[in-house]
């Protein structure tokens, strides 16, 4: 299931436990939000198969603005309530989209993306941003992915000291 370490995992749970362990090692002693979000997106990019974009959009001036990511150039501004990312913020819940072509208002930054998962980053009931992962594979993400990617975001929340402007 991964690109770089060539470890064979029997289950998605094993893979994600490994991914989250690696994330913890990367960020547990570094508090800088930019460094940690950059490393988090790079880690996912290296270890996750069948994805073509992973990164963060940060809440700023009542919209989402592109943050650290891996993949092709992306949309830089997303309105709240628009697309999968804006919907995740508006509803304040993870959006698991098995086929983006069936999602009303999907924003196609990359026409090769066919499925997507977006997890909002919320601290003290305030939106910080979202983690967005795209795949060229229809139905790439499922409830197991959702559970563990939400844990990934919770680790970010636990270890990162976001600046006051985000909180």
N, C-alpha and C. Protein backbone atom coordinates (compact mmCIF):
# COMPACT_ATOMS: atom_id res chain seq x y z
N UNK A 1 0.80 -1.21 0.00
CA UNK A 1 0.00 0.00 0.00
C UNK A 1 0.83 1.26 0.00
N UNK A 2 2.13 1.18 0.05
CA UNK A 2 2.87 2.45 0.07
C UNK A 2 3.93 2.49 -1.01
N UNK A 3 4.41 3.68 -1.29
CA UNK A 3 5.34 3.90 -2.39
C UNK A 3 6.79 3.83 -1.96
N UNK A 4 7.11 4.33 -0.77
CA UNK A 4 8.52 4.53 -0.45
C UNK A 4 9.13 3.42 0.39
N UNK A 5 8.46 2.99 1.44
CA UNK A 5 9.07 2.03 2.34
C UNK A 5 8.94 0.59 1.86
N UNK A 6 8.05 0.34 0.92
CA UNK A 6 7.84 -0.99 0.35
C UNK A 6 7.50 -2.03 1.41
N UNK A 7 6.82 -1.57 2.44
CA UNK A 7 6.33 -2.48 3.48
C UNK A 7 4.98 -3.01 3.01
N UNK A 8 4.77 -4.28 3.15
CA UNK A 8 3.47 -4.85 2.81
C UNK A 8 2.58 -4.87 4.04
N UNK A 9 1.44 -4.21 3.92
CA UNK A 9 0.49 -4.16 5.01
C UNK A 9 -0.67 -5.08 4.67
N UNK A 10 -1.14 -5.83 5.65
CA UNK A 10 -2.26 -6.74 5.43
C UNK A 10 -3.59 -6.02 5.40
N UNK A 11 -3.67 -4.89 6.10
CA UNK A 11 -4.93 -4.15 6.17
C UNK A 11 -4.67 -2.65 6.08
N UNK A 12 -5.72 -1.92 5.75
CA UNK A 12 -5.63 -0.46 5.77
C UNK A 12 -5.34 0.04 7.18
N UNK A 13 -5.93 -0.62 8.17
CA UNK A 13 -5.68 -0.22 9.57
C UNK A 13 -4.18 -0.26 9.88
N UNK A 14 -3.50 -1.32 9.45
CA UNK A 14 -2.05 -1.41 9.69
C UNK A 14 -1.31 -0.29 8.98
N UNK A 15 -1.69 -0.02 7.74
CA UNK A 15 -1.05 1.06 7.00
C UNK A 15 -1.22 2.39 7.71
N UNK A 16 -2.45 2.70 8.08
CA UNK A 16 -2.70 4.00 8.71
C UNK A 16 -2.07 4.11 10.09
N UNK A 17 -1.99 3.02 10.82
CA UNK A 17 -1.28 3.07 12.10
C UNK A 17 0.19 3.43 11.87
N UNK A 18 0.76 2.87 10.82
CA UNK A 18 2.14 3.18 10.44
C UNK A 18 2.26 4.66 10.02
N UNK A 19 1.36 5.11 9.16
CA UNK A 19 1.37 6.50 8.70
C UNK A 19 1.28 7.46 9.88
N UNK A 20 0.37 7.20 10.78
CA UNK A 20 0.17 8.10 11.92
C UNK A 20 1.35 8.05 12.88
N UNK A 21 1.99 6.90 13.00
CA UNK A 21 3.21 6.80 13.81
C UNK A 21 4.32 7.65 13.18
N UNK A 22 4.47 7.56 11.85
CA UNK A 22 5.48 8.37 11.16
C UNK A 22 5.19 9.86 11.31
N UNK A 23 3.91 10.24 11.21
CA UNK A 23 3.54 11.64 11.40
C UNK A 23 3.92 12.13 12.78
N UNK A 24 3.59 11.34 13.79
CA UNK A 24 3.91 11.72 15.16
C UNK A 24 5.41 11.95 15.31
N UNK A 25 6.21 11.07 14.76
CA UNK A 25 7.66 11.23 14.83
C UNK A 25 8.14 12.49 14.14
N UNK A 26 7.49 12.87 13.05
CA UNK A 26 7.88 14.07 12.31
C UNK A 26 7.53 15.36 13.04
N UNK A 27 6.38 15.39 13.71
CA UNK A 27 5.87 16.67 14.20
C UNK A 27 5.84 16.83 15.71
N UNK A 28 6.10 15.77 16.47
CA UNK A 28 5.88 15.84 17.91
C UNK A 28 6.79 16.82 18.64
N UNK A 29 7.94 17.13 18.07
CA UNK A 29 8.83 18.08 18.73
C UNK A 29 8.99 19.38 17.96
N UNK A 30 8.31 19.49 16.85
CA UNK A 30 8.35 20.72 16.04
C UNK A 30 7.00 21.40 16.16
N UNK A 31 6.96 22.63 16.59
CA UNK A 31 5.68 23.32 16.78
C UNK A 31 5.29 24.22 15.61
N UNK A 32 6.23 24.50 14.70
CA UNK A 32 5.94 25.42 13.61
C UNK A 32 4.86 24.84 12.69
N UNK A 33 3.80 25.57 12.53
CA UNK A 33 2.65 25.09 11.76
C UNK A 33 3.00 24.88 10.28
N UNK A 34 3.77 25.79 9.70
CA UNK A 34 4.08 25.68 8.29
C UNK A 34 4.98 24.48 8.00
N UNK A 35 6.00 24.30 8.82
CA UNK A 35 6.89 23.14 8.66
C UNK A 35 6.12 21.84 8.81
N UNK A 36 5.25 21.78 9.81
CA UNK A 36 4.52 20.54 10.07
C UNK A 36 3.48 20.23 9.00
N UNK A 37 2.76 21.23 8.52
CA UNK A 37 1.80 20.97 7.45
C UNK A 37 2.52 20.57 6.16
N UNK A 38 3.68 21.17 5.92
CA UNK A 38 4.47 20.80 4.75
C UNK A 38 4.92 19.36 4.84
N UNK A 39 5.47 18.97 5.99
CA UNK A 39 5.91 17.59 6.17
C UNK A 39 4.74 16.60 6.16
N UNK A 40 3.61 17.01 6.71
CA UNK A 40 2.44 16.12 6.72
C UNK A 40 1.97 15.82 5.30
N UNK A 41 1.91 16.85 4.46
CA UNK A 41 1.48 16.60 3.08
C UNK A 41 2.52 15.77 2.32
N UNK A 42 3.80 16.03 2.57
CA UNK A 42 4.85 15.24 1.91
C UNK A 42 4.80 13.78 2.35
N UNK A 43 4.56 13.55 3.63
CA UNK A 43 4.48 12.17 4.15
C UNK A 43 3.34 11.42 3.49
N UNK A 44 2.18 12.02 3.42
CA UNK A 44 1.05 11.35 2.77
C UNK A 44 1.34 11.10 1.30
N UNK A 45 1.95 12.07 0.64
CA UNK A 45 2.27 11.93 -0.78
C UNK A 45 3.20 10.75 -1.01
N UNK A 46 4.17 10.58 -0.14
CA UNK A 46 5.14 9.49 -0.30
C UNK A 46 4.56 8.12 0.03
N UNK A 47 3.69 8.05 1.02
CA UNK A 47 3.25 6.75 1.51
C UNK A 47 1.92 6.27 0.95
N UNK A 48 1.05 7.17 0.56
CA UNK A 48 -0.28 6.74 0.10
C UNK A 48 -0.27 6.42 -1.38
N UNK A 49 -0.84 5.30 -1.73
CA UNK A 49 -0.99 4.91 -3.13
C UNK A 49 -2.27 5.50 -3.70
N UNK A 50 -2.29 5.61 -4.99
CA UNK A 50 -3.48 5.99 -5.74
C UNK A 50 -4.04 7.34 -5.33
N UNK A 51 -3.13 8.30 -5.05
CA UNK A 51 -3.57 9.68 -4.86
C UNK A 51 -2.81 10.55 -5.86
N UNK A 52 -3.45 11.65 -6.27
CA UNK A 52 -2.77 12.55 -7.18
C UNK A 52 -2.66 13.97 -6.64
N UNK A 53 -3.14 14.20 -5.42
CA UNK A 53 -2.98 15.51 -4.78
C UNK A 53 -3.29 15.34 -3.29
N UNK A 54 -2.49 16.00 -2.46
CA UNK A 54 -2.75 16.03 -1.03
C UNK A 54 -2.23 17.35 -0.49
N UNK A 55 -3.05 17.99 0.32
CA UNK A 55 -2.60 19.26 0.87
C UNK A 55 -3.63 19.92 1.74
N UNK A 56 -3.31 21.14 2.09
CA UNK A 56 -4.11 21.90 3.03
C UNK A 56 -4.62 23.19 2.40
N UNK A 57 -5.83 23.52 2.76
CA UNK A 57 -6.38 24.85 2.51
C UNK A 57 -6.62 25.45 3.89
N UNK A 58 -6.21 26.70 4.06
CA UNK A 58 -6.32 27.36 5.35
C UNK A 58 -7.38 28.45 5.30
N UNK A 59 -8.12 28.58 6.39
CA UNK A 59 -9.20 29.56 6.48
C UNK A 59 -8.61 30.95 6.69
N UNK A 60 -8.94 31.86 5.78
CA UNK A 60 -8.41 33.22 5.85
C UNK A 60 -9.39 34.15 5.15
N UNK A 61 -9.77 35.23 5.82
CA UNK A 61 -10.67 36.24 5.23
C UNK A 61 -11.95 35.61 4.67
N UNK A 62 -12.55 34.73 5.47
CA UNK A 62 -13.83 34.10 5.11
C UNK A 62 -13.79 33.24 3.86
N UNK A 63 -12.62 32.67 3.55
CA UNK A 63 -12.50 31.73 2.45
C UNK A 63 -11.35 30.77 2.76
N UNK A 64 -11.19 29.76 1.93
CA UNK A 64 -10.05 28.85 2.04
C UNK A 64 -8.98 29.27 1.05
N UNK A 65 -7.74 29.32 1.55
CA UNK A 65 -6.60 29.72 0.72
C UNK A 65 -5.61 28.56 0.70
N UNK A 66 -5.07 28.29 -0.48
CA UNK A 66 -4.13 27.19 -0.66
C UNK A 66 -2.96 27.28 0.32
N UNK A 67 -2.66 26.13 0.95
CA UNK A 67 -1.53 26.02 1.86
C UNK A 67 -0.55 24.98 1.34
N UNK A 68 0.27 24.42 2.23
CA UNK A 68 1.25 23.40 1.81
C UNK A 68 0.55 22.20 1.15
N UNK A 69 1.16 21.72 0.06
CA UNK A 69 0.57 20.59 -0.67
C UNK A 69 1.62 19.87 -1.47
N UNK A 70 1.22 18.71 -2.02
CA UNK A 70 2.02 17.92 -2.95
C UNK A 70 1.11 17.58 -4.12
N UNK A 71 1.62 17.76 -5.33
CA UNK A 71 0.84 17.45 -6.52
C UNK A 71 0.91 18.60 -7.51
N UNK A 72 0.00 18.58 -8.47
CA UNK A 72 -0.06 19.62 -9.49
C UNK A 72 -0.51 20.95 -8.87
N UNK A 73 -0.22 22.06 -9.55
CA UNK A 73 -0.75 23.34 -9.07
C UNK A 73 -2.26 23.24 -8.86
N UNK A 74 -2.75 24.01 -7.88
CA UNK A 74 -4.14 23.86 -7.46
C UNK A 74 -4.87 25.20 -7.41
N UNK A 75 -6.16 25.13 -7.25
CA UNK A 75 -6.97 26.33 -7.04
C UNK A 75 -6.43 27.05 -5.80
N UNK A 76 -6.35 28.36 -5.87
CA UNK A 76 -5.77 29.09 -4.73
C UNK A 76 -6.81 29.61 -3.74
N UNK A 77 -8.03 29.86 -4.18
CA UNK A 77 -9.08 30.36 -3.30
C UNK A 77 -10.34 29.52 -3.50
N UNK A 78 -10.96 29.14 -2.39
CA UNK A 78 -12.22 28.38 -2.44
C UNK A 78 -13.20 29.04 -1.48
N UNK A 79 -14.37 29.37 -1.99
CA UNK A 79 -15.42 29.96 -1.16
C UNK A 79 -16.01 28.92 -0.22
N UNK A 80 -16.37 29.35 0.96
CA UNK A 80 -17.04 28.46 1.90
C UNK A 80 -18.37 28.03 1.29
N UNK A 81 -18.64 26.74 1.34
CA UNK A 81 -19.86 26.19 0.76
C UNK A 81 -19.71 25.76 -0.69
N UNK A 82 -18.56 26.05 -1.31
CA UNK A 82 -18.32 25.69 -2.70
C UNK A 82 -17.39 24.49 -2.78
N UNK A 83 -17.67 23.57 -3.68
CA UNK A 83 -16.83 22.40 -3.86
C UNK A 83 -16.80 21.52 -2.62
N UNK A 84 -15.97 20.50 -2.66
CA UNK A 84 -15.89 19.56 -1.55
C UNK A 84 -15.24 20.22 -0.33
N UNK A 85 -14.17 21.00 -0.56
CA UNK A 85 -13.49 21.66 0.56
C UNK A 85 -14.39 22.68 1.25
N UNK A 86 -15.02 23.53 0.45
CA UNK A 86 -15.91 24.54 1.03
C UNK A 86 -17.10 23.92 1.74
N UNK A 87 -17.59 22.79 1.23
CA UNK A 87 -18.70 22.09 1.88
C UNK A 87 -18.26 21.49 3.21
N UNK A 88 -17.04 20.95 3.27
CA UNK A 88 -16.52 20.40 4.54
C UNK A 88 -16.47 21.47 5.61
N UNK A 89 -16.10 22.68 5.23
CA UNK A 89 -16.06 23.79 6.18
C UNK A 89 -17.47 24.21 6.57
N UNK A 90 -18.34 24.37 5.59
CA UNK A 90 -19.71 24.81 5.86
C UNK A 90 -20.44 23.82 6.77
N UNK A 91 -20.28 22.53 6.50
CA UNK A 91 -20.96 21.50 7.30
C UNK A 91 -20.17 21.10 8.54
N UNK A 92 -18.87 21.49 8.57
CA UNK A 92 -17.99 21.18 9.69
C UNK A 92 -17.87 19.68 9.91
N UNK A 93 -17.79 18.96 8.78
CA UNK A 93 -17.65 17.50 8.85
C UNK A 93 -16.91 16.98 7.62
N UNK A 94 -16.31 15.83 7.79
CA UNK A 94 -15.57 15.19 6.71
C UNK A 94 -16.48 14.92 5.53
N UNK A 95 -15.95 15.18 4.35
CA UNK A 95 -16.66 14.87 3.11
C UNK A 95 -15.92 13.72 2.42
N UNK A 96 -16.58 12.61 2.29
CA UNK A 96 -16.05 11.42 1.63
C UNK A 96 -16.81 11.28 0.31
N UNK A 97 -16.13 11.58 -0.79
CA UNK A 97 -16.78 11.62 -2.09
C UNK A 97 -16.21 10.51 -2.96
N UNK A 98 -17.02 9.50 -3.20
CA UNK A 98 -16.57 8.34 -3.95
C UNK A 98 -16.40 8.65 -5.44
N UNK A 99 -17.21 9.56 -5.98
CA UNK A 99 -17.10 9.98 -7.37
C UNK A 99 -17.39 11.48 -7.43
N UNK A 100 -16.33 12.28 -7.65
CA UNK A 100 -16.50 13.73 -7.61
C UNK A 100 -17.44 14.24 -8.71
N UNK A 101 -17.63 13.46 -9.76
CA UNK A 101 -18.50 13.88 -10.85
C UNK A 101 -19.97 13.84 -10.43
N UNK A 102 -20.26 13.17 -9.32
CA UNK A 102 -21.61 13.12 -8.77
C UNK A 102 -21.82 14.16 -7.68
N UNK A 103 -20.78 14.93 -7.35
CA UNK A 103 -20.87 15.92 -6.27
C UNK A 103 -21.28 17.27 -6.87
N UNK A 104 -22.46 17.77 -6.50
CA UNK A 104 -22.91 19.05 -7.05
C UNK A 104 -21.93 20.18 -6.71
N UNK A 105 -21.49 20.90 -7.73
CA UNK A 105 -20.60 22.03 -7.51
C UNK A 105 -19.15 21.67 -7.33
N UNK A 106 -18.77 20.44 -7.65
CA UNK A 106 -17.36 20.04 -7.51
C UNK A 106 -16.47 20.99 -8.29
N UNK A 107 -15.36 21.40 -7.67
CA UNK A 107 -14.39 22.27 -8.32
C UNK A 107 -13.28 21.38 -8.87
N UNK A 108 -13.13 21.36 -10.17
CA UNK A 108 -12.15 20.46 -10.81
C UNK A 108 -10.83 21.19 -11.02
N UNK A 109 -9.99 21.21 -10.00
CA UNK A 109 -8.65 21.78 -10.15
C UNK A 109 -7.80 20.89 -11.05
N UNK A 110 -8.02 19.58 -10.95
CA UNK A 110 -7.31 18.60 -11.78
C UNK A 110 -8.36 17.66 -12.37
N UNK A 111 -8.49 17.66 -13.66
CA UNK A 111 -9.53 16.84 -14.30
C UNK A 111 -9.28 15.35 -14.12
N UNK A 112 -8.08 14.96 -13.68
CA UNK A 112 -7.80 13.55 -13.46
C UNK A 112 -8.31 13.05 -12.11
N UNK A 113 -8.75 13.95 -11.24
CA UNK A 113 -9.28 13.53 -9.94
C UNK A 113 -10.67 12.96 -10.10
N UNK A 114 -10.91 11.80 -9.47
CA UNK A 114 -12.21 11.15 -9.55
C UNK A 114 -12.85 10.88 -8.20
N UNK A 115 -12.05 10.88 -7.13
CA UNK A 115 -12.62 10.75 -5.78
C UNK A 115 -11.83 11.66 -4.86
N UNK A 116 -12.43 11.96 -3.70
CA UNK A 116 -11.82 12.96 -2.82
C UNK A 116 -12.30 12.75 -1.39
N UNK A 117 -11.42 13.07 -0.47
CA UNK A 117 -11.80 13.12 0.94
C UNK A 117 -11.25 14.42 1.50
N UNK A 118 -12.09 15.13 2.25
CA UNK A 118 -11.70 16.40 2.85
C UNK A 118 -12.09 16.37 4.33
N UNK A 119 -11.09 16.60 5.20
CA UNK A 119 -11.32 16.60 6.64
C UNK A 119 -11.08 18.02 7.16
N UNK A 120 -12.10 18.61 7.81
CA UNK A 120 -11.90 19.94 8.37
C UNK A 120 -10.98 19.90 9.59
N UNK A 121 -10.21 20.96 9.75
CA UNK A 121 -9.35 21.13 10.92
C UNK A 121 -10.03 22.17 11.80
N UNK A 122 -10.51 21.72 12.96
CA UNK A 122 -11.27 22.59 13.85
C UNK A 122 -10.63 22.58 15.23
N UNK A 123 -10.32 23.76 15.75
CA UNK A 123 -9.75 23.89 17.09
C UNK A 123 -10.64 24.86 17.87
N UNK A 124 -11.06 24.44 19.05
CA UNK A 124 -11.93 25.27 19.89
C UNK A 124 -13.11 25.81 19.10
N UNK A 125 -13.71 24.95 18.30
CA UNK A 125 -14.89 25.26 17.50
C UNK A 125 -14.62 26.29 16.40
N UNK A 126 -13.35 26.54 16.09
CA UNK A 126 -13.00 27.47 15.02
C UNK A 126 -12.33 26.72 13.87
N UNK A 127 -12.74 27.03 12.67
CA UNK A 127 -12.17 26.41 11.48
C UNK A 127 -10.76 26.95 11.26
N UNK A 128 -9.80 26.05 11.14
CA UNK A 128 -8.42 26.41 10.81
C UNK A 128 -8.20 26.20 9.31
N UNK A 129 -8.78 25.15 8.79
CA UNK A 129 -8.63 24.82 7.38
C UNK A 129 -9.11 23.41 7.12
N UNK A 130 -8.60 22.81 6.06
CA UNK A 130 -8.97 21.44 5.71
C UNK A 130 -7.74 20.69 5.19
N UNK A 131 -7.78 19.39 5.36
CA UNK A 131 -6.87 18.47 4.67
C UNK A 131 -7.66 17.89 3.51
N UNK A 132 -7.12 18.02 2.31
CA UNK A 132 -7.79 17.59 1.09
C UNK A 132 -6.92 16.54 0.39
N UNK A 133 -7.51 15.41 0.04
CA UNK A 133 -6.79 14.36 -0.68
C UNK A 133 -7.63 13.94 -1.89
N UNK A 134 -7.00 13.95 -3.06
CA UNK A 134 -7.66 13.57 -4.31
C UNK A 134 -7.05 12.30 -4.87
N UNK A 135 -7.86 11.57 -5.61
CA UNK A 135 -7.40 10.34 -6.25
C UNK A 135 -7.96 10.25 -7.67
N UNK A 136 -7.17 9.68 -8.57
CA UNK A 136 -7.71 9.43 -9.91
C UNK A 136 -8.61 8.20 -9.96
N UNK A 137 -8.71 7.47 -8.85
CA UNK A 137 -9.49 6.24 -8.78
C UNK A 137 -10.87 6.53 -8.18
N UNK A 138 -11.93 6.16 -8.89
CA UNK A 138 -13.28 6.26 -8.34
C UNK A 138 -13.38 5.32 -7.15
N UNK A 139 -14.00 5.77 -6.08
CA UNK A 139 -14.20 5.00 -4.84
C UNK A 139 -12.87 4.63 -4.18
N UNK A 140 -11.85 5.48 -4.30
CA UNK A 140 -10.56 5.22 -3.67
C UNK A 140 -10.67 5.25 -2.15
N UNK A 141 -11.52 6.12 -1.61
CA UNK A 141 -11.62 6.32 -0.17
C UNK A 141 -12.90 5.69 0.38
N UNK A 142 -12.77 5.11 1.58
CA UNK A 142 -13.92 4.50 2.24
C UNK A 142 -13.94 4.90 3.71
N UNK A 143 -14.81 4.27 4.48
CA UNK A 143 -14.96 4.62 5.89
C UNK A 143 -13.69 4.33 6.70
N UNK A 144 -12.92 3.34 6.32
CA UNK A 144 -11.65 3.06 7.02
C UNK A 144 -10.67 4.21 6.78
N UNK A 145 -10.57 4.67 5.53
CA UNK A 145 -9.73 5.82 5.24
C UNK A 145 -10.20 7.03 6.06
N UNK A 146 -11.48 7.26 6.06
CA UNK A 146 -12.07 8.40 6.78
C UNK A 146 -11.67 8.38 8.25
N UNK A 147 -11.84 7.24 8.89
CA UNK A 147 -11.52 7.11 10.31
C UNK A 147 -10.06 7.46 10.58
N UNK A 148 -9.17 6.94 9.77
CA UNK A 148 -7.74 7.14 10.03
C UNK A 148 -7.23 8.50 9.57
N UNK A 149 -7.80 9.05 8.51
CA UNK A 149 -7.39 10.38 8.09
C UNK A 149 -7.88 11.41 9.10
N UNK A 150 -9.03 11.17 9.71
CA UNK A 150 -9.48 12.04 10.81
C UNK A 150 -8.52 11.94 12.00
N UNK A 151 -8.00 10.75 12.29
CA UNK A 151 -6.98 10.61 13.34
C UNK A 151 -5.72 11.37 12.97
N UNK A 152 -5.33 11.33 11.70
CA UNK A 152 -4.18 12.08 11.20
C UNK A 152 -4.36 13.57 11.50
N UNK A 153 -5.53 14.10 11.19
CA UNK A 153 -5.82 15.51 11.46
C UNK A 153 -5.81 15.78 12.97
N UNK A 154 -6.31 14.86 13.77
CA UNK A 154 -6.28 15.05 15.22
C UNK A 154 -4.86 15.11 15.75
N UNK A 155 -3.95 14.36 15.14
CA UNK A 155 -2.53 14.45 15.53
C UNK A 155 -1.97 15.84 15.18
N UNK A 156 -2.34 16.36 14.04
CA UNK A 156 -1.91 17.71 13.67
C UNK A 156 -2.40 18.72 14.70
N UNK A 157 -3.66 18.60 15.08
CA UNK A 157 -4.24 19.50 16.07
C UNK A 157 -3.51 19.37 17.41
N UNK A 158 -3.17 18.16 17.78
CA UNK A 158 -2.50 17.90 19.06
C UNK A 158 -1.12 18.54 19.12
N UNK A 159 -0.37 18.44 18.04
CA UNK A 159 1.04 18.83 18.09
C UNK A 159 1.36 20.22 17.51
N UNK A 160 0.53 20.74 16.66
CA UNK A 160 0.87 22.01 16.01
C UNK A 160 0.37 23.19 16.83
N UNK A 161 1.22 24.19 16.96
CA UNK A 161 0.83 25.45 17.57
C UNK A 161 0.50 26.42 16.44
N UNK A 162 -0.78 26.53 16.11
CA UNK A 162 -1.20 27.43 15.06
C UNK A 162 -1.15 28.87 15.57
N UNK A 163 -0.78 29.83 14.71
CA UNK A 163 -0.75 31.24 15.13
C UNK A 163 -2.14 31.73 15.52
N UNK A 164 -2.17 32.76 16.32
CA UNK A 164 -3.44 33.36 16.78
C UNK A 164 -4.36 33.71 15.62
N UNK A 165 -3.79 34.10 14.50
CA UNK A 165 -4.65 34.51 13.36
C UNK A 165 -5.50 33.38 12.86
N UNK A 166 -5.12 32.12 13.15
CA UNK A 166 -5.92 30.97 12.73
C UNK A 166 -6.95 30.58 13.77
N UNK A 167 -6.71 30.93 15.02
CA UNK A 167 -7.59 30.45 16.09
C UNK A 167 -8.50 31.53 16.61
